[in-house]
Protein backbone atom coordinates (compact mmCIF):
# COMPACT_ATOMS: atom_id res chain seq x y z
CA UNK A 1 76.54 -5.03 -147.18
CA UNK A 2 76.30 -8.51 -148.62
CA UNK A 3 79.32 -9.83 -146.80
CA UNK A 4 78.19 -7.93 -143.40
CA UNK A 5 74.80 -10.14 -143.87
CA UNK A 6 76.62 -13.33 -145.05
CA UNK A 7 78.58 -12.97 -141.26
CA UNK A 8 75.55 -12.04 -139.39
CA UNK A 9 73.65 -14.87 -141.55
CA UNK A 10 76.64 -17.57 -140.52
CA UNK A 11 76.63 -16.36 -136.62
CA UNK A 12 73.09 -17.12 -136.59
CA UNK A 13 73.67 -21.02 -137.72
CA UNK A 14 76.94 -21.09 -135.67
CA UNK A 15 74.58 -20.69 -132.66
CA UNK A 16 73.54 -23.70 -130.30
CA UNK A 17 69.89 -24.13 -129.75
CA UNK A 18 69.67 -25.78 -126.33
CA UNK A 19 72.73 -22.63 -125.27
CA UNK A 20 70.16 -19.94 -126.11
CA UNK A 21 67.44 -21.83 -124.70
CA UNK A 22 69.38 -22.29 -121.19
CA UNK A 23 70.80 -18.90 -121.37
CA UNK A 24 67.36 -17.49 -122.17
CA UNK A 25 65.60 -16.29 -118.80
CA UNK A 26 62.08 -16.64 -120.48
CA UNK A 27 61.84 -18.04 -123.36
CA UNK A 28 58.16 -17.84 -123.51
CA UNK A 29 58.13 -14.07 -123.74
CA UNK A 30 60.42 -13.69 -126.99
CA UNK A 31 57.76 -16.92 -127.89
CA UNK A 32 54.76 -14.24 -127.18
CA UNK A 33 56.56 -11.47 -129.07
CA UNK A 34 57.39 -13.40 -132.46
CA UNK A 35 53.65 -14.79 -132.02
CA UNK A 36 51.95 -10.92 -131.78
CA UNK A 37 50.58 -12.21 -128.39
CA UNK A 38 50.14 -9.06 -126.07
CA UNK A 39 49.14 -11.33 -122.97
CA UNK A 40 51.47 -12.66 -120.88
CA UNK A 41 50.91 -15.99 -119.70
CA UNK A 42 52.06 -17.48 -116.06
CA UNK A 43 53.01 -21.58 -116.04
CA UNK A 44 53.76 -20.67 -112.39
CA UNK A 45 50.46 -21.42 -110.12
CA UNK A 46 50.28 -18.91 -107.33
CA UNK A 47 49.40 -19.44 -103.88
CA UNK A 48 46.22 -19.54 -102.29
CA UNK A 49 45.49 -16.32 -100.54
CA UNK A 50 43.54 -18.31 -98.23
CA UNK A 51 45.52 -20.88 -96.28
CA UNK A 52 43.53 -24.10 -95.82
CA UNK A 53 42.50 -24.72 -92.18
CA UNK A 54 41.70 -27.73 -90.24
CA UNK A 55 38.07 -27.57 -89.64
CA UNK A 56 38.72 -30.54 -86.94
CA UNK A 57 41.09 -27.98 -85.10
CA UNK A 58 38.94 -25.29 -84.77
CA UNK A 59 36.14 -27.31 -83.39
CA UNK A 60 38.36 -28.96 -80.19
CA UNK A 61 39.91 -25.81 -79.43
CA UNK A 62 39.95 -25.53 -76.05
CA UNK A 63 37.98 -28.35 -75.23
CA UNK A 64 38.82 -28.77 -71.67
CA UNK A 65 37.87 -24.87 -70.65
CA UNK A 66 34.51 -25.94 -71.96
CA UNK A 67 34.13 -29.26 -69.87
CA UNK A 68 35.38 -27.63 -66.98
CA UNK A 69 32.52 -24.85 -67.61
CA UNK A 70 29.87 -27.11 -67.96
CA UNK A 71 31.28 -29.09 -64.90
CA UNK A 72 31.12 -25.94 -62.74
CA UNK A 73 27.61 -25.23 -63.91
CA UNK A 74 26.67 -28.58 -62.92
CA UNK A 75 27.85 -28.37 -59.66
CA UNK A 76 26.53 -24.37 -58.58
CA UNK A 77 23.62 -26.10 -59.74
CA UNK A 78 22.99 -28.82 -57.53
CA UNK A 79 24.65 -27.09 -54.54
CA UNK A 80 22.14 -24.58 -55.22
CA UNK A 81 19.28 -27.34 -54.86
CA UNK A 82 20.22 -28.53 -51.74
CA UNK A 83 20.72 -25.32 -50.52
CA UNK A 84 16.69 -24.62 -51.68
CA UNK A 85 16.27 -27.83 -49.98
CA UNK A 86 17.24 -27.44 -46.34
CA UNK A 87 15.74 -23.60 -46.53
CA UNK A 88 12.48 -25.34 -46.63
CA UNK A 89 10.14 -27.85 -44.38
CA UNK A 90 8.01 -29.59 -45.72
CA UNK A 91 7.57 -33.33 -46.45
CA UNK A 92 9.42 -33.46 -49.59
CA UNK A 93 12.34 -31.16 -48.45
CA UNK A 94 12.64 -33.37 -45.47
CA UNK A 95 12.82 -36.04 -47.08
CA UNK A 96 15.65 -34.55 -49.32
CA UNK A 97 17.16 -33.20 -46.39
CA UNK A 98 17.21 -37.39 -44.75
CA UNK A 99 18.88 -38.31 -48.09
CA UNK A 100 21.56 -35.81 -47.87
CA UNK A 101 22.65 -36.53 -44.23
CA UNK A 102 22.39 -39.98 -44.57
CA UNK A 103 25.10 -39.99 -47.67
CA UNK A 104 27.24 -37.23 -45.73
CA UNK A 105 27.94 -39.86 -42.84
CA UNK A 106 27.17 -42.98 -43.45
CA UNK A 107 30.53 -45.21 -44.58
CA UNK A 108 31.01 -46.87 -47.96
CA UNK A 109 30.31 -50.66 -47.45
CA UNK A 110 33.76 -51.67 -49.22
CA UNK A 111 33.07 -55.69 -47.87
CA UNK A 112 29.78 -55.83 -49.89
CA UNK A 113 31.29 -54.04 -52.69
CA UNK A 114 34.21 -56.50 -52.98
CA UNK A 115 31.99 -59.58 -52.52
CA UNK A 116 29.61 -58.33 -55.65
CA UNK A 117 32.77 -57.71 -57.55
CA UNK A 118 33.67 -60.82 -56.99
CA UNK A 119 30.72 -62.76 -57.57
CA UNK A 120 30.03 -60.66 -60.66
CA UNK A 121 33.09 -60.67 -61.99
CA UNK A 122 34.78 -63.96 -60.75
CA UNK A 123 37.25 -62.08 -58.53
CA UNK A 124 37.81 -58.93 -56.84
CA UNK A 125 39.22 -55.88 -57.76
CA UNK A 126 42.89 -56.01 -56.66
CA UNK A 127 43.79 -52.82 -59.13
CA UNK A 128 41.98 -50.62 -56.40
CA UNK A 129 43.71 -50.20 -52.98
CA UNK A 130 40.92 -50.70 -51.06
CA UNK A 131 39.86 -54.21 -52.32
CA UNK A 132 44.07 -55.61 -52.26
CA UNK A 133 44.93 -58.41 -50.80
CA UNK A 134 47.54 -57.43 -47.88
CA UNK A 135 47.72 -60.56 -46.06
CA UNK A 136 51.82 -61.06 -47.66
CA UNK A 137 54.11 -62.04 -45.39
CA UNK A 138 56.98 -59.89 -44.31
CA UNK A 139 60.30 -59.98 -45.34
CA UNK A 140 63.21 -58.80 -42.94
CA UNK A 141 65.88 -56.34 -44.03
CA UNK A 142 68.34 -59.64 -44.03
CA UNK A 143 65.60 -60.93 -46.84
CA UNK A 144 64.15 -64.17 -43.76
CA UNK A 145 60.16 -64.12 -44.00
CA UNK A 146 58.80 -63.13 -40.61
CA UNK A 147 55.80 -64.85 -39.61
CA UNK A 148 53.30 -63.52 -37.53
CA UNK A 149 53.66 -63.92 -33.28
CA UNK A 150 50.99 -64.19 -30.89
CA UNK A 151 50.84 -64.58 -26.92
CA UNK A 152 50.55 -67.87 -26.26
CA UNK A 153 48.47 -66.93 -23.09
CA UNK A 154 45.75 -64.56 -24.17
CA UNK A 155 45.43 -61.72 -21.39
CA UNK A 156 48.20 -64.06 -19.27
CA UNK A 157 50.14 -62.14 -16.47
CA UNK A 158 53.74 -62.59 -16.26
CA UNK A 159 54.99 -63.93 -12.47
CA UNK A 160 58.73 -65.35 -13.04
CA UNK A 161 60.60 -63.30 -15.26
CA UNK A 162 63.35 -65.04 -17.52
CA UNK A 163 66.20 -63.32 -14.69
CA UNK A 164 64.41 -65.57 -12.68
CA UNK A 165 64.42 -68.42 -14.30
CA UNK A 166 67.14 -67.85 -16.74
CA UNK A 167 65.51 -70.21 -18.96
CA UNK A 168 61.89 -69.56 -19.55
CA UNK A 169 59.22 -67.20 -17.74
CA UNK A 170 56.04 -68.13 -16.28
CA UNK A 171 52.64 -66.61 -17.11
CA UNK A 172 49.27 -66.95 -14.60
CA UNK A 173 46.08 -67.55 -16.59
CA UNK A 174 42.33 -68.50 -15.94
CA UNK A 175 41.90 -72.61 -14.62
CA UNK A 176 42.13 -74.77 -17.61
CA UNK A 177 42.86 -71.58 -20.11
CA UNK A 178 43.37 -72.21 -23.62
CA UNK A 179 47.11 -72.05 -25.16
CA UNK A 180 48.44 -71.16 -28.60
CA UNK A 181 50.85 -71.50 -30.60
CA UNK A 182 52.89 -68.31 -30.69
CA UNK A 183 54.34 -69.07 -34.05
CA UNK A 184 53.87 -71.33 -37.07
CA UNK A 185 55.71 -74.44 -36.83
CA UNK A 186 55.64 -78.42 -36.66
CA UNK A 187 55.20 -80.23 -33.40
CA UNK A 188 58.52 -81.63 -32.06
CA UNK A 189 58.04 -83.11 -28.60
CA UNK A 190 54.89 -83.97 -26.57
CA UNK A 191 55.77 -85.55 -23.45
CA UNK A 192 53.39 -87.47 -21.15
CA UNK A 193 50.96 -85.78 -19.19
CA UNK A 194 52.76 -85.80 -15.10
CA UNK A 195 51.72 -84.04 -12.03
CA UNK A 196 53.84 -80.86 -13.20
CA UNK A 197 51.81 -81.30 -16.52
CA UNK A 198 52.37 -82.16 -20.21
CA UNK A 199 54.87 -80.20 -22.64
CA UNK A 200 54.71 -79.10 -25.96
CA UNK A 201 58.01 -77.74 -28.03
CA UNK A 202 57.37 -76.69 -31.33
CA UNK A 203 60.03 -76.06 -33.97
CA UNK A 204 60.04 -72.81 -36.43
CA UNK A 205 61.60 -71.00 -38.85
CA UNK A 206 64.64 -69.05 -38.60
CA UNK A 207 66.35 -72.07 -36.31
CA UNK A 208 63.53 -71.12 -33.54
CA UNK A 209 61.97 -73.40 -30.95
CA UNK A 210 59.36 -72.56 -28.31
CA UNK A 211 58.64 -74.57 -25.29
CA UNK A 212 54.84 -74.97 -23.60
CA UNK A 213 54.98 -76.41 -20.18
CA UNK A 214 52.70 -77.06 -17.25
CA UNK A 215 50.00 -78.08 -19.68
CA UNK A 216 46.71 -80.42 -18.10
CA UNK A 217 45.49 -81.09 -21.50
CA UNK A 218 47.07 -81.13 -24.80
CA UNK A 219 44.98 -81.26 -28.43
CA UNK A 220 48.16 -81.27 -30.64
CA UNK A 221 50.21 -84.55 -31.74
CA UNK A 222 53.79 -84.87 -32.99
CA UNK A 223 54.74 -84.09 -36.61
CA UNK A 224 51.20 -81.39 -36.51
CA UNK A 225 51.51 -78.29 -38.07
CA UNK A 226 49.78 -75.52 -36.81
CA UNK A 227 49.56 -72.01 -37.26
CA UNK A 228 50.59 -68.76 -35.17
CA UNK A 229 47.38 -68.97 -32.49
CA UNK A 230 45.82 -72.37 -33.38
CA UNK A 231 44.89 -73.97 -29.59
CA UNK A 232 47.31 -76.31 -28.96
CA UNK A 233 46.25 -77.17 -24.90
CA UNK A 234 44.90 -75.98 -22.03
CA UNK A 235 46.56 -75.04 -18.49
CA UNK A 236 45.86 -77.61 -15.08
CA UNK A 237 42.81 -77.05 -13.53
CA UNK A 238 43.14 -74.82 -10.21
CA UNK A 239 40.96 -74.21 -7.16
CA UNK A 240 39.48 -71.63 -6.09
CA UNK A 241 40.71 -68.17 -7.21
CA UNK A 242 44.24 -69.94 -7.73
CA UNK A 243 46.17 -69.15 -10.69
CA UNK A 244 47.38 -71.74 -13.63
CA UNK A 245 50.98 -71.57 -14.55
CA UNK A 246 52.20 -71.54 -17.94
CA UNK A 247 56.07 -72.33 -18.35
CA UNK A 248 57.14 -70.41 -21.65
CA UNK A 249 60.38 -70.54 -23.36
CA UNK A 250 62.31 -69.68 -26.71
CA UNK A 251 65.44 -70.64 -27.57
CA UNK A 252 67.39 -69.24 -30.80
CA UNK A 253 70.17 -71.42 -32.30
CA UNK A 254 69.79 -73.91 -29.23
CA UNK A 255 70.43 -70.88 -26.77
CA UNK A 256 67.74 -69.73 -24.49
CA UNK A 257 66.41 -66.21 -24.93
CA UNK A 258 63.64 -63.74 -23.33
CA UNK A 259 60.34 -64.34 -24.59
CA UNK A 260 59.73 -61.22 -23.99
CA UNK A 261 61.57 -59.92 -26.44
CA UNK A 262 60.27 -61.79 -29.00
CA UNK A 263 56.99 -62.75 -28.14
CA UNK A 264 53.88 -59.92 -27.85
CA UNK A 265 52.65 -60.19 -24.02
CA UNK A 266 49.91 -58.39 -22.54
């Protein structure tokens, strides 16, 4: 017995405490039993039975639906009020009916709104399409800028075609009627007055030249810059019902072309 007890005692002494601690799945259980503690304690916090909820999420749930419902209710109230107003013919309802009709038929004065915005905020609201400045030069497929083109004689009648003259056309207008530049450009030539009138030659962009002949009066000088539609002279004076004639020609790259193909003639 003594040898057996000694062997057991020796085995206990040879055990490594760290190994015993790691191999024991629940070291606190034996500690409680050794100290006669009947109540088992758990050192791991149990999960909360009620999960935390974000109250802000609860308050913001379905905000669009509620907003839509409120707007629908307000719209129904307004519609019902207007409908009811048109069912009665009294002094007050007639005034309200007139205001509703005026609001439905009157056009919005965007020009006045743009002027007010410019005066108040020092600039038109270009981010709004109706106020956007669209006076931009048109650009062709080849990248060249297309400037505005107008008829040199407003309301003029074509009396001689390019097929007849082979270098231009003739337009008939009233006595001393105003002649304007067909395109933007620089006055290149201005001839002296003669029995057949004066001639003005204007150089334009894209190698184009316009020629205005049989003018009774000129209002420009050489090297003057003119815009499309600017007055450059007047037709010769005619007697009675006889029309005055304008000779008009267009040269593209030093070649005469039919003005009807490039100039909007009435």
